[in-house]
């Protein structure tokens, strides 16, 4: 089986933390001041609501006033629980793999652990959890990275697949590293269309029931960023609005935030630190990739079960 170096299936659900990289603590510089300004702006955009213990919390779109996004909620406080109740967040869509959830609970606040336990048991008051792991099938993810290789490297991969699994691993890790967040996004979109479709439909069902929705993964920037972009496309947000919303994660979290944790930032000789942050140009490239597919954005959304007619009826969006 491929990717044995990471325990059978590749653990993209964890890329090394800044601490693991040995980076020096950041001093409060102009960037920190900028993040404070950004924080004030997105708190205003959430009706003045800020979650004290949960990072990257904000609305997905002005056209979806009851749909929010964030990093993992295990660190929430008692005040945060009350804030979610005020916002009528009754549906929590968790895009992480189970191993990530287990690790997060080891660092949870008492309130976060209580909420997690109640959601596991079926609900917390009116709040329920939909677990839709986007990166559950890592073999499919790496197959997508391979399918997006340029012709010469794809020919290499065919040879390595037959003769040298380790060289194939190195080739695919290098391709992901070189492609950065844009490659991560397009590989997820290709490999996990069914999971994104489930998340889109779950969001729409909650909206139809009058419920608020919280979408999250580990940091709320990669898997959540792609799902949020699909929702924005579905309701007719412009490319500029989508790119800005994606890039906001980097302004809020800082540029050295990973998708999650892995055993090392060096995987099969490839440096995966390129997957830090959420550079706006990565989402711009992702949108171009979607638009270049047969049927464009509408074709992709339809492939997930979200046709134009369905979008208009369930999300209030039109063709994009």
Protein backbone atom coordinates (compact mmCIF):
# COMPACT_ATOMS: atom_id res chain seq x y z
CA UNK A 1 0.00 0.00 0.00
CA UNK A 2 1.19 3.51 -0.74
CA UNK A 3 2.29 6.03 1.84
CA UNK A 4 3.40 3.46 4.40
CA UNK A 5 5.74 6.05 5.90
CA UNK A 6 2.70 7.76 7.37
CA UNK A 7 1.07 4.64 8.72
CA UNK A 8 -0.66 3.22 5.67
CA UNK A 9 -2.90 6.12 4.79
CA UNK A 10 -1.29 9.52 4.54
CA UNK A 11 -1.97 11.72 7.50
CA UNK A 12 -2.72 14.99 5.80
CA UNK A 13 -5.08 15.55 8.71
CA UNK A 14 -2.02 16.67 10.50
CA UNK A 15 0.73 18.94 9.34
CA UNK A 16 3.32 20.11 11.82
CA UNK A 17 2.43 22.92 14.17
CA UNK A 18 4.50 26.12 14.30
CA UNK A 19 5.94 24.87 17.61
CA UNK A 20 7.15 21.71 15.88
CA UNK A 21 8.89 23.82 13.28
CA UNK A 22 10.93 25.52 15.98
CA UNK A 23 9.83 28.98 14.94
CA UNK A 24 10.53 31.80 17.32
CA UNK A 25 7.55 33.44 19.06
CA UNK A 26 6.13 36.26 16.99
CA UNK A 27 6.42 39.72 18.48
CA UNK A 28 3.37 41.97 18.31
CA UNK A 29 4.23 43.78 15.11
CA UNK A 30 2.20 45.66 12.52
CA UNK A 31 0.71 42.31 11.45
CA UNK A 32 -0.72 41.81 14.94
CA UNK A 33 -2.31 45.24 14.80
CA UNK A 34 -3.79 44.33 11.42
CA UNK A 35 -5.25 41.13 12.86
CA UNK A 36 -6.89 43.12 15.64
CA UNK A 37 -8.50 45.36 13.03
CA UNK A 38 -9.63 42.32 11.06
CA UNK A 39 -11.01 40.77 14.26
CA UNK A 40 -13.07 43.87 14.94
CA UNK A 41 -14.43 43.79 11.39
CA UNK A 42 -15.53 40.16 11.44
CA UNK A 43 -17.00 40.44 14.94
CA UNK A 44 -19.12 43.26 13.59
CA UNK A 45 -20.06 40.99 10.69
CA UNK A 46 -21.32 38.37 13.16
CA UNK A 47 -23.69 40.82 14.77
CA UNK A 48 -21.15 41.76 17.43
CA UNK A 49 -20.64 38.15 18.54
CA UNK A 50 -17.13 36.89 19.22
CA UNK A 51 -16.22 33.44 20.47
CA UNK A 52 -13.58 33.89 23.14
CA UNK A 53 -12.12 30.38 23.00
CA UNK A 54 -12.66 29.47 19.34
CA UNK A 55 -10.58 30.99 16.59
CA UNK A 56 -11.57 32.12 13.11
CA UNK A 57 -15.27 32.42 13.91
CA UNK A 58 -17.29 34.45 11.40
CA UNK A 59 -20.15 34.38 8.91
CA UNK A 60 -19.62 32.48 5.67
CA UNK A 61 -21.42 35.13 3.60
CA UNK A 62 -23.73 38.09 3.99
CA UNK A 63 -26.14 36.10 1.81
CA UNK A 64 -26.11 33.29 4.38
CA UNK A 65 -26.63 35.23 7.63
CA UNK A 66 -27.15 32.12 9.79
CA UNK A 67 -24.19 30.08 8.52
CA UNK A 68 -20.91 30.45 10.41
CA UNK A 69 -17.43 28.98 10.16
CA UNK A 70 -14.65 28.49 12.69
CA UNK A 71 -11.71 26.46 13.88
CA UNK A 72 -12.30 23.44 16.11
CA UNK A 73 -14.77 24.20 18.95
CA UNK A 74 -13.26 22.01 21.68
CA UNK A 75 -11.66 25.09 23.26
CA UNK A 76 -14.88 27.06 23.67
CA UNK A 77 -15.86 28.71 26.95
CA UNK A 78 -19.16 28.90 28.82
CA UNK A 79 -19.69 32.33 27.26
CA UNK A 80 -19.13 30.84 23.82
CA UNK A 81 -21.82 28.23 24.45
CA UNK A 82 -24.26 31.02 25.29
CA UNK A 83 -23.21 32.94 22.17
CA UNK A 84 -23.93 29.93 19.95
CA UNK A 85 -27.34 29.59 21.60
CA UNK A 86 -28.11 33.25 20.88
CA UNK A 87 -27.15 32.72 17.25
CA UNK A 88 -29.46 29.68 17.13
CA UNK A 89 -26.61 27.42 15.99
CA UNK A 90 -28.37 24.08 16.09
CA UNK A 91 -26.31 22.23 13.47
CA UNK A 92 -22.53 21.74 13.81
CA UNK A 93 -20.85 20.24 10.73
CA UNK A 94 -17.47 18.72 11.60
CA UNK A 95 -15.20 18.09 8.60
CA UNK A 96 -12.32 16.45 10.53
CA UNK A 97 -11.20 12.85 10.64
CA UNK A 98 -11.85 10.92 13.86
CA UNK A 99 -8.18 10.88 14.89
CA UNK A 100 -8.12 14.67 14.80
CA UNK A 101 -11.23 14.85 16.95
CA UNK A 102 -9.66 12.51 19.52
CA UNK A 103 -6.48 14.65 19.67
CA UNK A 104 -8.48 17.86 20.01
CA UNK A 105 -10.46 16.48 22.92
CA UNK A 106 -7.26 15.79 24.81
CA UNK A 107 -6.75 19.58 24.91
CA UNK A 108 -10.40 20.56 25.33
CA UNK A 109 -11.82 22.96 27.90
CA UNK A 110 -14.36 21.46 30.33
CA UNK A 111 -17.16 23.18 28.37
CA UNK A 112 -15.76 21.93 25.08
CA UNK A 113 -15.51 18.38 26.38
CA UNK A 114 -19.05 18.50 27.76
CA UNK A 115 -20.40 19.81 24.47
CA UNK A 116 -18.51 17.13 22.51
CA UNK A 117 -19.85 14.38 24.74
CA UNK A 118 -23.41 15.60 24.42
CA UNK A 119 -23.14 15.89 20.65
CA UNK A 120 -21.75 12.35 20.49
CA UNK A 121 -24.71 11.16 22.53
CA UNK A 122 -27.18 12.68 20.09
CA UNK A 123 -27.42 16.35 20.91
CA UNK A 124 -26.86 19.29 23.23
CA UNK A 125 -30.24 20.91 23.74
CA UNK A 126 -31.26 21.82 20.20
CA UNK A 127 -27.70 21.42 18.90
CA UNK A 128 -26.70 18.39 16.86
CA UNK A 129 -23.53 17.32 15.08
CA UNK A 130 -23.08 16.14 11.49
CA UNK A 131 -19.73 14.38 11.11
CA UNK A 132 -18.64 14.58 7.45
CA UNK A 133 -14.90 13.87 7.21
CA UNK A 134 -13.58 15.41 4.00
CA UNK A 135 -10.20 13.62 4.10
CA UNK A 136 -11.43 10.22 5.17
CA UNK A 137 -10.18 8.49 2.00
CA UNK A 138 -6.57 9.57 1.68
CA UNK A 139 -5.82 7.12 -1.13
CA UNK A 140 -8.38 8.99 -3.25
CA UNK A 141 -6.80 12.29 -2.26
CA UNK A 142 -3.36 11.19 -3.45
CA UNK A 143 -4.90 9.70 -6.61
CA UNK A 144 -6.28 13.19 -7.28
CA UNK A 145 -2.88 14.79 -6.73
CA UNK A 146 -1.50 12.27 -9.23
CA UNK A 147 -4.27 12.90 -11.76
CA UNK A 148 -3.45 16.62 -11.74
CA UNK A 149 0.25 16.13 -12.51
CA UNK A 150 1.56 17.65 -15.77
CA UNK A 151 2.14 15.06 -18.57
CA UNK A 152 5.86 14.38 -17.98
CA UNK A 153 5.48 13.92 -14.24
CA UNK A 154 2.38 11.80 -14.78
CA UNK A 155 4.47 9.52 -16.98
CA UNK A 156 7.00 9.32 -14.15
CA UNK A 157 4.27 8.39 -11.71
CA UNK A 158 3.11 5.51 -13.94
CA UNK A 159 6.63 4.09 -13.97
CA UNK A 160 7.08 4.53 -10.21
CA UNK A 161 3.69 2.98 -9.51
CA UNK A 162 4.87 -0.19 -11.21
CA UNK A 163 8.45 -0.25 -9.96
CA UNK A 164 9.14 1.99 -6.97
CA UNK A 165 6.48 2.93 -4.42
CA UNK A 166 8.84 5.11 -2.40
CA UNK A 167 9.70 7.23 -5.44
CA UNK A 168 6.00 7.55 -6.17
CA UNK A 169 5.40 8.82 -2.63
CA UNK A 170 8.19 11.37 -3.02
CA UNK A 171 6.81 12.54 -6.35
CA UNK A 172 3.30 13.08 -4.97
CA UNK A 173 4.47 14.82 -1.80
CA UNK A 174 6.65 17.11 -3.90
CA UNK A 175 3.74 17.90 -6.21
CA UNK A 176 1.57 18.85 -3.23
CA UNK A 177 4.35 20.90 -1.68
CA UNK A 178 5.04 22.79 -4.91
CA UNK A 179 1.33 23.37 -5.57
CA UNK A 180 0.72 24.61 -2.03
CA UNK A 181 -2.78 25.48 -0.84
CA UNK A 182 -4.18 25.65 -4.36
CA UNK A 183 -3.16 22.04 -5.04
CA UNK A 184 -4.51 20.98 -1.64
CA UNK A 185 -7.83 22.63 -2.48
CA UNK A 186 -8.24 21.16 -5.96
CA UNK A 187 -7.21 17.67 -4.83
CA UNK A 188 -9.79 17.82 -2.04
CA UNK A 189 -12.46 19.05 -4.44
CA UNK A 190 -11.75 16.23 -6.87
CA UNK A 191 -11.39 13.44 -4.32
CA UNK A 192 -14.09 14.50 -1.87
CA UNK A 193 -16.95 15.78 -4.02
CA UNK A 194 -19.35 13.37 -2.28
CA UNK A 195 -18.37 14.65 1.19
CA UNK A 196 -18.67 18.28 0.12
CA UNK A 197 -22.06 17.47 -1.38
CA UNK A 198 -23.23 15.95 1.92
CA UNK A 199 -22.05 19.04 3.78
CA UNK A 200 -23.80 21.37 1.33
CA UNK A 201 -27.05 19.44 1.66
CA UNK A 202 -26.79 19.28 5.45
CA UNK A 203 -26.28 23.05 5.54
CA UNK A 204 -29.27 23.64 3.30
CA UNK A 205 -31.47 21.31 5.34
CA UNK A 206 -30.57 23.20 8.52
CA UNK A 207 -31.31 26.55 6.87
CA UNK A 208 -34.67 25.22 5.70
CA UNK A 209 -35.46 24.27 9.31
CA UNK A 210 -34.63 27.78 10.51
CA UNK A 211 -31.43 26.65 12.24
CA UNK A 212 -28.07 28.34 12.43
CA UNK A 213 -25.12 26.30 11.18
CA UNK A 214 -21.47 26.14 12.27
CA UNK A 215 -18.98 24.63 9.82
CA UNK A 216 -15.53 23.75 11.10
CA UNK A 217 -12.43 21.62 10.68
CA UNK A 218 -9.18 22.05 12.67
CA UNK A 219 -8.29 25.67 11.91
CA UNK A 220 -11.28 26.62 9.76
CA UNK A 221 -9.11 27.54 6.78
CA UNK A 222 -8.61 24.59 4.38
CA UNK A 223 -11.49 22.11 4.38
CA UNK A 224 -13.81 24.72 5.86
CA UNK A 225 -12.43 27.32 3.46
CA UNK A 226 -13.26 25.16 0.44
CA UNK A 227 -16.75 24.29 1.73
CA UNK A 228 -17.40 27.96 2.47
CA UNK A 229 -16.28 28.86 -1.06
CA UNK A 230 -18.72 26.32 -2.51
CA UNK A 231 -21.54 27.79 -0.44
CA UNK A 232 -20.59 31.28 -1.57
CA UNK A 233 -20.57 30.13 -5.20
CA UNK A 234 -23.97 28.50 -4.68
CA UNK A 235 -25.55 31.73 -3.43
CA UNK A 236 -23.93 33.97 -6.03
CA UNK A 237 -21.04 35.66 -4.22
CA UNK A 238 -18.44 37.13 -6.55
CA UNK A 239 -15.00 35.64 -7.03
CA UNK A 240 -13.53 38.67 -5.24
CA UNK A 241 -15.77 38.11 -2.20
CA UNK A 242 -14.80 34.43 -2.07
CA UNK A 243 -11.07 35.14 -2.40
CA UNK A 244 -11.25 37.81 0.31
CA UNK A 245 -13.14 35.51 2.70
CA UNK A 246 -10.60 32.73 2.18
CA UNK A 247 -7.64 35.06 2.71
CA UNK A 248 -9.18 36.41 5.90
CA UNK A 249 -8.20 33.21 7.73
CA UNK A 250 -4.53 34.07 7.29
CA UNK A 251 -5.11 37.59 8.60
CA UNK A 252 -6.93 36.22 11.65
CA UNK A 253 -4.73 33.23 12.42
CA UNK A 254 -1.41 34.46 11.07
CA UNK A 255 0.48 33.04 8.09
CA UNK A 256 2.09 30.07 9.87
CA UNK A 257 -0.97 27.98 10.65
CA UNK A 258 -1.14 24.43 9.36
CA UNK A 259 -4.04 22.28 8.26
CA UNK A 260 -3.37 20.17 11.37
CA UNK A 261 -0.53 18.17 12.91
CA UNK A 262 1.63 15.47 11.42
CA UNK A 263 4.72 13.69 12.60
CA UNK A 264 6.99 16.04 10.71
CA UNK A 265 6.79 18.95 8.33
CA UNK A 266 9.19 16.89 6.20
CA UNK A 267 7.29 14.07 4.50
CA UNK A 268 9.14 11.75 2.13
CA UNK A 269 11.74 14.46 1.57
CA UNK A 270 9.15 17.10 0.61
CA UNK A 271 8.68 20.27 2.63
CA UNK A 272 4.96 20.63 3.38
CA UNK A 273 5.32 24.01 5.08
CA UNK A 274 3.92 25.48 1.85
CA UNK A 275 0.49 24.46 3.13
CA UNK A 276 0.61 27.09 5.85
CA UNK A 277 -1.69 30.10 5.81
CA UNK A 278 -4.52 30.75 3.36
CA UNK A 279 -3.05 33.00 0.64
CA UNK A 280 -5.77 34.67 -1.45
CA UNK A 281 -4.04 33.68 -4.69
CA UNK A 282 -4.56 30.01 -3.75
CA UNK A 283 -8.33 30.47 -3.75
CA UNK A 284 -8.15 32.50 -6.96
CA UNK A 285 -6.36 29.52 -8.57
CA UNK A 286 -8.91 27.12 -7.07
CA UNK A 287 -11.80 29.07 -8.61
CA UNK A 288 -10.07 29.06 -12.00
CA UNK A 289 -9.67 25.29 -11.72
CA UNK A 290 -13.38 24.89 -10.96
CA UNK A 291 -14.34 27.16 -13.82
CA UNK A 292 -12.13 25.21 -16.24
CA UNK A 293 -13.85 21.89 -15.55
CA UNK A 294 -16.54 20.55 -17.89
CA UNK A 295 -19.69 22.41 -16.89
CA UNK A 296 -17.72 24.89 -14.79
CA UNK A 297 -18.79 25.74 -11.25
CA UNK A 298 -22.42 24.80 -11.88
CA UNK A 299 -21.30 21.43 -13.25
CA UNK A 300 -19.22 20.72 -10.14
CA UNK A 301 -22.04 21.71 -7.78
CA UNK A 302 -24.49 19.60 -9.78
CA UNK A 303 -22.08 16.63 -9.49
CA UNK A 304 -22.43 16.88 -5.71
CA UNK A 305 -26.23 16.83 -5.97
CA UNK A 306 -26.60 20.61 -5.75
CA UNK A 307 -28.22 21.57 -9.05
CA UNK A 308 -29.07 25.14 -9.94
CA UNK A 309 -32.76 24.52 -9.23
CA UNK A 310 -31.92 22.91 -5.89
CA UNK A 311 -29.69 25.84 -4.95
CA UNK A 312 -32.40 28.37 -5.73
CA UNK A 313 -34.94 26.50 -3.64
CA UNK A 314 -32.78 25.49 -0.68
CA UNK A 315 -30.12 28.18 -0.37
CA UNK A 316 -31.78 31.08 -2.16
CA UNK A 317 -28.90 31.23 -4.65
CA UNK A 318 -28.87 31.43 -8.41
CA UNK A 319 -26.54 30.25 -11.11
CA UNK A 320 -22.96 31.38 -10.69
